[in-house]
Amino acid sequence: MNHIQTIDKRHEMLFNEWEFHINAFNALHDKNTQLWHNLIRVRNADFHLFQYKYSLYDIWVDETDQEKARELQVKMDKITNKMFVMKRRAELMRFEHDVAECITNIHHNIRTKFSKKLKMLHHIKPENTSNCKIVHITKMKIQQLEKEDCCICLEPHKLKEIVTSSCGHTYGKTCFEHIVKKRLNSDKEPICPLCRSEVSKFAIYRKR
């Protein structure tokens, strides 16, 4: 397996893992949203029971008929028991929501990490990609390029280690990759360190 095939295989593996975490994130996000809505409904129901119980309490305080007072007391006891059950249910739902939110954040962070890696591979795959153009040049042009200093390290590089950005500035391949990684790790698009224009495409050189 050559270098290009290795990179392509790595790219496919990263894409599949990224897709898995995208799907997992979406599913957990939907579940978390539903759990939150259910929790709100339980809390609202508990609040209404609370109001109803104390409206019965006001009636019970003023009730002179002992039989009716006992009936009101039984009702309030039932409501108290139901409120206790609903409170425990809300606590369980809150815990489940927090766990789901934690797992959702994990998938979100992993998804972001893989997104950066995929973008990085998109920029630095050496050949046969949509953002990379292979330019075949003469021996004279090779000598000229190898005498030029890299715009980043200010040192000359051999032909296979030279790349030229879409804005026309030339770098050493390692220097270029370092800039790309640093920008992508900061959630920023790669830019040329000289003219500050966005670097979306580049050229590499081979002997004619």
C-alpha atoms as a PDB file:
ATOM      1  CA  MET A   1       0.000   0.000   0.000  1.00  0.00           C
ATOM      2  CA  ASN A   2       1.573   3.335  -1.056  1.00  0.00           C
ATOM      3  CA  HIS A   3       1.490   6.660   0.777  1.00  0.00           C
ATOM      4  CA  ILE A   4      -1.581   7.954  -1.080  1.00  0.00           C
ATOM      5  CA  GLN A   5      -3.602   4.785  -0.418  1.00  0.00           C
ATOM      6  CA  THR A   6      -2.672   4.941   3.272  1.00  0.00           C
ATOM      7  CA  ILE A   7      -3.908   8.527   3.508  1.00  0.00           C
ATOM      8  CA  ASP A   8      -7.104   7.697   1.583  1.00  0.00           C
ATOM      9  CA  LYS A   9      -7.791   4.774   3.923  1.00  0.00           C
ATOM     10  CA  ARG A  10      -7.195   7.002   6.955  1.00  0.00           C
ATOM     11  CA  HIS A  11      -9.495   9.630   5.459  1.00  0.00           C
ATOM     12  CA  GLU A  12     -12.263   7.054   4.924  1.00  0.00           C
ATOM     13  CA  MET A  13     -11.874   5.727   8.480  1.00  0.00           C
ATOM     14  CA  LEU A  14     -12.054   9.219   9.950  1.00  0.00           C
ATOM     15  CA  PHE A  15     -15.091  10.037   7.842  1.00  0.00           C
ATOM     16  CA  ASN A  16     -16.910   6.875   9.014  1.00  0.00           C
ATOM     17  CA  GLU A  17     -16.121   7.628  12.666  1.00  0.00           C
ATOM     18  CA  TRP A  18     -17.166  11.259  12.194  1.00  0.00           C
ATOM     19  CA  GLU A  19     -20.456  10.112  10.641  1.00  0.00           C
ATOM     20  CA  PHE A  20     -21.057   7.725  13.575  1.00  0.00           C
ATOM     21  CA  HIS A  21     -20.607  10.525  16.103  1.00  0.00           C
ATOM     22  CA  ILE A  22     -22.795  12.863  14.036  1.00  0.00           C
ATOM     23  CA  ASN A  23     -25.635  10.303  14.123  1.00  0.00           C
ATOM     24  CA  ALA A  24     -25.065   9.540  17.808  1.00  0.00           C
ATOM     25  CA  PHE A  25     -25.044  13.256  18.640  1.00  0.00           C
ATOM     26  CA  ASN A  26     -28.276  13.890  16.717  1.00  0.00           C
ATOM     27  CA  ALA A  27     -30.054  10.920  18.340  1.00  0.00           C
ATOM     28  CA  LEU A  28     -28.927  11.873  21.849  1.00  0.00           C
ATOM     29  CA  HIS A  29     -29.769  15.529  21.269  1.00  0.00           C
ATOM     30  CA  ASP A  30     -33.334  14.573  20.259  1.00  0.00           C
ATOM     31  CA  LYS A  31     -33.630  12.265  23.287  1.00  0.00           C
ATOM     32  CA  ASN A  32     -32.297  14.958  25.597  1.00  0.00           C
ATOM     33  CA  THR A  33     -34.777  17.498  24.236  1.00  0.00           C
ATOM     34  CA  GLN A  34     -37.665  15.063  24.785  1.00  0.00           C
ATOM     35  CA  LEU A  35     -36.487  14.308  28.333  1.00  0.00           C
ATOM     36  CA  TRP A  36     -36.374  18.011  29.111  1.00  0.00           C
ATOM     37  CA  HIS A  37     -39.910  18.553  27.787  1.00  0.00           C
ATOM     38  CA  ASN A  38     -41.168  15.605  29.853  1.00  0.00           C
ATOM     39  CA  LEU A  39     -39.445  17.000  32.940  1.00  0.00           C
ATOM     40  CA  ILE A  40     -41.117  20.375  32.419  1.00  0.00           C
ATOM     41  CA  ARG A  41     -44.515  18.664  32.106  1.00  0.00           C
ATOM     42  CA  VAL A  42     -43.984  16.729  35.356  1.00  0.00           C
ATOM     43  CA  ARG A  43     -42.925  19.891  37.177  1.00  0.00           C
ATOM     44  CA  ASN A  44     -45.952  21.775  35.863  1.00  0.00           C
ATOM     45  CA  ALA A  45     -48.249  18.948  36.983  1.00  0.00           C
ATOM     46  CA  ASP A  46     -46.604  18.960  40.420  1.00  0.00           C
ATOM     47  CA  PHE A  47     -47.112  22.724  40.695  1.00  0.00           C
ATOM     48  CA  HIS A  48     -50.808  22.419  39.826  1.00  0.00           C
ATOM     49  CA  LEU A  49     -51.243  19.660  42.409  1.00  0.00           C
ATOM     50  CA  PHE A  50     -49.543  21.877  44.967  1.00  0.00           C
ATOM     51  CA  GLN A  51     -51.986  24.716  44.223  1.00  0.00           C
ATOM     52  CA  TYR A  52     -54.952  22.330  44.335  1.00  0.00           C
ATOM     53  CA  LYS A  53     -53.818  20.859  47.670  1.00  0.00           C
ATOM     54  CA  TYR A  54     -53.601  24.256  49.322  1.00  0.00           C
ATOM     55  CA  SER A  55     -56.943  25.339  47.923  1.00  0.00           C
ATOM     56  CA  LEU A  56     -58.386  22.224  49.627  1.00  0.00           C
ATOM     57  CA  TYR A  57     -56.456  23.131  52.770  1.00  0.00           C
ATOM     58  CA  ASP A  58     -58.134  26.563  52.867  1.00  0.00           C
ATOM     59  CA  ILE A  59     -61.546  24.862  52.603  1.00  0.00           C
ATOM     60  CA  TRP A  60     -60.562  22.267  55.224  1.00  0.00           C
ATOM     61  CA  VAL A  61     -59.555  24.967  57.741  1.00  0.00           C
ATOM     62  CA  ASP A  62     -62.977  26.624  57.523  1.00  0.00           C
ATOM     63  CA  GLU A  63     -64.983  23.370  57.314  1.00  0.00           C
ATOM     64  CA  THR A  64     -67.173  22.760  60.400  1.00  0.00           C
ATOM     65  CA  ASP A  65     -68.668  19.467  59.240  1.00  0.00           C
ATOM     66  CA  GLN A  66     -66.345  16.728  60.550  1.00  0.00           C
ATOM     67  CA  GLU A  67     -67.333  14.226  57.849  1.00  0.00           C
ATOM     68  CA  LYS A  68     -66.538  16.657  55.051  1.00  0.00           C
ATOM     69  CA  ALA A  69     -63.342  17.640  56.856  1.00  0.00           C
ATOM     70  CA  ARG A  70     -62.268  13.963  56.927  1.00  0.00           C
ATOM     71  CA  GLU A  71     -63.001  13.632  53.198  1.00  0.00           C
ATOM     72  CA  LEU A  72     -60.904  16.717  52.497  1.00  0.00           C
ATOM     73  CA  GLN A  73     -58.099  15.319  54.646  1.00  0.00           C
ATOM     74  CA  VAL A  74     -58.135  12.039  52.689  1.00  0.00           C
ATOM     75  CA  LYS A  75     -57.978  13.984  49.408  1.00  0.00           C
ATOM     76  CA  MET A  76     -55.037  16.055  50.626  1.00  0.00           C
ATOM     77  CA  ASP A  77     -53.203  12.924  51.789  1.00  0.00           C
ATOM     78  CA  LYS A  78     -53.680  11.327  48.368  1.00  0.00           C
ATOM     79  CA  ILE A  79     -52.404  14.481  46.660  1.00  0.00           C
ATOM     80  CA  THR A  80     -49.393  14.555  49.009  1.00  0.00           C
ATOM     81  CA  ASN A  81     -48.562  10.953  48.120  1.00  0.00           C
ATOM     82  CA  LYS A  82     -48.966  11.688  44.416  1.00  0.00           C
ATOM     83  CA  MET A  83     -46.728  14.754  44.728  1.00  0.00           C
ATOM     84  CA  PHE A  84     -44.072  12.637  46.457  1.00  0.00           C
ATOM     85  CA  VAL A  85     -44.163  10.100  43.598  1.00  0.00           C
ATOM     86  CA  MET A  86     -43.980  12.886  40.998  1.00  0.00           C
ATOM     87  CA  LYS A  87     -41.070  14.508  42.826  1.00  0.00           C
ATOM     88  CA  ARG A  88     -39.104  11.236  42.759  1.00  0.00           C
ATOM     89  CA  ARG A  89     -40.026  10.779  39.108  1.00  0.00           C
ATOM     90  CA  ALA A  90     -38.800  14.315  38.326  1.00  0.00           C
ATOM     91  CA  GLU A  91     -35.517  13.619  40.163  1.00  0.00           C
ATOM     92  CA  LEU A  92     -34.988  10.456  38.120  1.00  0.00           C
ATOM     93  CA  MET A  93     -35.813  12.272  34.875  1.00  0.00           C
ATOM     94  CA  ARG A  94     -33.436  15.084  35.800  1.00  0.00           C
ATOM     95  CA  PHE A  95     -30.652  12.572  36.441  1.00  0.00           C
ATOM     96  CA  GLU A  96     -31.374  10.823  33.126  1.00  0.00           C
ATOM     97  CA  HIS A  97     -31.359  14.198  31.369  1.00  0.00           C
ATOM     98  CA  ASP A  98     -27.990  15.141  32.919  1.00  0.00           C
ATOM     99  CA  VAL A  99     -26.453  11.792  31.900  1.00  0.00           C
ATOM    100  CA  ALA A 100     -27.787  12.139  28.329  1.00  0.00           C
ATOM    101  CA  GLU A 101     -26.491  15.718  28.170  1.00  0.00           C
ATOM    102  CA  CYS A 102     -23.046  14.587  29.350  1.00  0.00           C
ATOM    103  CA  ILE A 103     -22.895  11.843  26.684  1.00  0.00           C
ATOM    104  CA  THR A 104     -24.185  14.299  24.069  1.00  0.00           C
ATOM    105  CA  ASN A 105     -21.346  16.691  24.918  1.00  0.00           C
ATOM    106  CA  ILE A 106     -18.818  13.848  24.591  1.00  0.00           C
ATOM    107  CA  HIS A 107     -20.099  13.005  21.099  1.00  0.00           C
ATOM    108  CA  HIS A 108     -20.148  16.711  20.228  1.00  0.00           C
ATOM    109  CA  ASN A 109     -16.505  17.128  21.275  1.00  0.00           C
ATOM    110  CA  ILE A 110     -15.447  13.998  19.372  1.00  0.00           C
ATOM    111  CA  ARG A 111     -17.424  15.154  16.324  1.00  0.00           C
ATOM    112  CA  THR A 112     -15.631  18.521  16.449  1.00  0.00           C
ATOM    113  CA  LYS A 113     -12.265  16.784  16.802  1.00  0.00           C
ATOM    114  CA  PHE A 114     -12.913  14.571  13.773  1.00  0.00           C
ATOM    115  CA  SER A 115     -14.206  17.549  11.785  1.00  0.00           C
ATOM    116  CA  LYS A 116     -10.867  19.283  12.354  1.00  0.00           C
ATOM    117  CA  LYS A 117      -8.947  16.178  11.322  1.00  0.00           C
ATOM    118  CA  LEU A 118     -11.026  15.780   8.169  1.00  0.00           C
ATOM    119  CA  LYS A 119     -10.506  19.425   7.245  1.00  0.00           C
ATOM    120  CA  MET A 120      -6.804  19.012   7.921  1.00  0.00           C
ATOM    121  CA  LEU A 121      -6.569  15.995   5.646  1.00  0.00           C
ATOM    122  CA  HIS A 122      -8.511  17.906   3.015  1.00  0.00           C
ATOM    123  CA  HIS A 123      -5.782  20.555   3.018  1.00  0.00           C
ATOM    124  CA  ILE A 124      -2.608  18.462   3.275  1.00  0.00           C
ATOM    125  CA  LYS A 125      -3.275  15.314   1.236  1.00  0.00           C
ATOM    126  CA  PRO A 126      -0.345  15.480  -1.190  1.00  0.00           C
ATOM    127  CA  GLU A 127      -1.785  14.404  -4.522  1.00  0.00           C
ATOM    128  CA  ASN A 128      -4.886  13.700  -6.582  1.00  0.00           C
ATOM    129  CA  THR A 129      -7.256  15.802  -4.504  1.00  0.00           C
ATOM    130  CA  SER A 130      -9.617  18.607  -5.405  1.00  0.00           C
ATOM    131  CA  ASN A 131      -7.548  21.185  -3.530  1.00  0.00           C
ATOM    132  CA  CYS A 132      -4.137  20.055  -4.813  1.00  0.00           C
ATOM    133  CA  LYS A 133      -2.749  20.587  -8.291  1.00  0.00           C
ATOM    134  CA  ILE A 134       0.366  18.771  -9.550  1.00  0.00           C
ATOM    135  CA  VAL A 135       2.518  21.002 -11.752  1.00  0.00           C
ATOM    136  CA  HIS A 136       5.254  19.412 -13.915  1.00  0.00           C
ATOM    137  CA  ILE A 137       8.159  21.791 -14.433  1.00  0.00           C
ATOM    138  CA  THR A 138      11.483  21.935 -16.267  1.00  0.00           C
ATOM    139  CA  LYS A 139      14.921  21.450 -14.711  1.00  0.00           C
ATOM    140  CA  MET A 140      15.563  25.202 -14.966  1.00  0.00           C
ATOM    141  CA  LYS A 141      12.351  25.991 -13.092  1.00  0.00           C
ATOM    142  CA  ILE A 142      13.265  23.382 -10.455  1.00  0.00           C
ATOM    143  CA  GLN A 143      16.586  25.074  -9.830  1.00  0.00           C
ATOM    144  CA  GLN A 144      14.825  28.425  -9.564  1.00  0.00           C
ATOM    145  CA  LEU A 145      12.241  27.125  -7.082  1.00  0.00           C
ATOM    146  CA  GLU A 146      14.826  25.341  -4.935  1.00  0.00           C
ATOM    147  CA  LYS A 147      16.730  28.625  -4.583  1.00  0.00           C
ATOM    148  CA  GLU A 148      13.661  30.492  -3.343  1.00  0.00           C
ATOM    149  CA  ASP A 149      13.239  30.851   0.419  1.00  0.00           C
ATOM    150  CA  CYS A 150      10.132  29.549   2.155  1.00  0.00           C
ATOM    151  CA  CYS A 151       7.823  32.422   3.183  1.00  0.00           C
ATOM    152  CA  ILE A 152       7.599  30.928   6.685  1.00  0.00           C
ATOM    153  CA  CYS A 153      10.987  29.490   7.699  1.00  0.00           C
ATOM    154  CA  LEU A 154      12.981  31.620   5.221  1.00  0.00           C
ATOM    155  CA  GLU A 155      14.958  28.556   4.145  1.00  0.00           C
ATOM    156  CA  PRO A 156      15.082  26.874   0.686  1.00  0.00           C
ATOM    157  CA  HIS A 157      13.526  23.417   0.200  1.00  0.00           C
ATOM    158  CA  LYS A 158      13.895  20.533  -2.233  1.00  0.00           C
ATOM    159  CA  LEU A 159      11.330  20.205  -5.017  1.00  0.00           C
ATOM    160  CA  LYS A 160       9.156  17.538  -3.360  1.00  0.00           C
ATOM    161  CA  GLU A 161       8.970  19.662  -0.227  1.00  0.00           C
ATOM    162  CA  ILE A 162       7.709  22.805  -1.974  1.00  0.00           C
ATOM    163  CA  VAL A 163       4.093  23.929  -2.222  1.00  0.00           C
ATOM    164  CA  THR A 164       2.607  27.110  -3.647  1.00  0.00           C
ATOM    165  CA  SER A 165      -0.660  28.479  -2.301  1.00  0.00           C
ATOM    166  CA  SER A 166      -3.559  29.750  -4.406  1.00  0.00           C
ATOM    167  CA  CYS A 167      -2.365  33.319  -3.696  1.00  0.00           C
ATOM    168  CA  GLY A 168       0.992  32.539  -5.335  1.00  0.00           C
ATOM    169  CA  HIS A 169       3.295  32.386  -2.297  1.00  0.00           C
ATOM    170  CA  THR A 170       5.687  29.468  -1.851  1.00  0.00           C
ATOM    171  CA  TYR A 171       6.289  27.447   1.329  1.00  0.00           C
ATOM    172  CA  GLY A 172       8.029  24.337   2.488  1.00  0.00           C
ATOM    173  CA  LYS A 173       5.479  21.520   2.752  1.00  0.00           C
ATOM    174  CA  THR A 174       6.192  20.946   6.465  1.00  0.00           C
ATOM    175  CA  CYS A 175       5.851  24.672   7.194  1.00  0.00           C
ATOM    176  CA  PHE A 176       2.608  24.799   5.235  1.00  0.00           C
ATOM    177  CA  GLU A 177       1.161  21.818   7.138  1.00  0.00           C
ATOM    178  CA  HIS A 178       2.131  23.435  10.444  1.00  0.00           C
ATOM    179  CA  ILE A 179       0.208  26.609   9.529  1.00  0.00           C
ATOM    180  CA  VAL A 180      -2.824  24.573   8.408  1.00  0.00           C
ATOM    181  CA  LYS A 181      -2.891  22.486  11.615  1.00  0.00           C
ATOM    182  CA  LYS A 182      -2.458  25.509  13.856  1.00  0.00           C
ATOM    183  CA  ARG A 183      -5.313  27.416  12.190  1.00  0.00           C
ATOM    184  CA  LEU A 184      -7.670  24.441  12.058  1.00  0.00           C
ATOM    185  CA  ASN A 185      -7.017  23.576  15.698  1.00  0.00           C
ATOM    186  CA  SER A 186      -8.190  27.108  16.505  1.00  0.00           C
ATOM    187  CA  ASP A 187     -11.347  26.620  14.368  1.00  0.00           C
ATOM    188  CA  LYS A 188     -10.012  29.058  11.771  1.00  0.00           C
ATOM    189  CA  GLU A 189      -9.498  28.704   8.049  1.00  0.00           C
ATOM    190  CA  PRO A 190      -5.854  28.525   6.867  1.00  0.00           C
ATOM    191  CA  ILE A 191      -4.517  31.846   5.579  1.00  0.00           C
ATOM    192  CA  CYS A 192      -1.332  32.940   3.863  1.00  0.00           C
ATOM    193  CA  PRO A 193       1.093  34.424   6.450  1.00  0.00           C
ATOM    194  CA  LEU A 194       2.172  37.049   3.898  1.00  0.00           C
ATOM    195  CA  CYS A 195      -0.978  38.393   2.229  1.00  0.00           C
ATOM    196  CA  ARG A 196      -3.526  36.989   4.757  1.00  0.00           C
ATOM    197  CA  SER A 197      -5.725  35.592   1.983  1.00  0.00           C
ATOM    198  CA  GLU A 198      -7.508  32.275   2.577  1.00  0.00           C
ATOM    199  CA  VAL A 199      -5.506  29.228   1.459  1.00  0.00           C
ATOM    200  CA  SER A 200      -7.997  26.793  -0.019  1.00  0.00           C
ATOM    201  CA  LYS A 201      -5.865  25.309  -2.818  1.00  0.00           C
ATOM    202  CA  PHE A 202      -2.187  24.718  -3.452  1.00  0.00           C
ATOM    203  CA  ALA A 203       0.198  23.348  -6.042  1.00  0.00           C
ATOM    204  CA  ILE A 204       2.984  20.810  -5.670  1.00  0.00           C
ATOM    205  CA  TYR A 205       5.753  20.257  -8.189  1.00  0.00           C
ATOM    206  CA  ARG A 206       7.202  17.314 -10.078  1.00  0.00           C
ATOM    207  CA  LYS A 207       9.959  17.115 -12.634  1.00  0.00           C
ATOM    208  CA  ARG A 208       8.740  17.120 -16.245  1.00  0.00           C
END
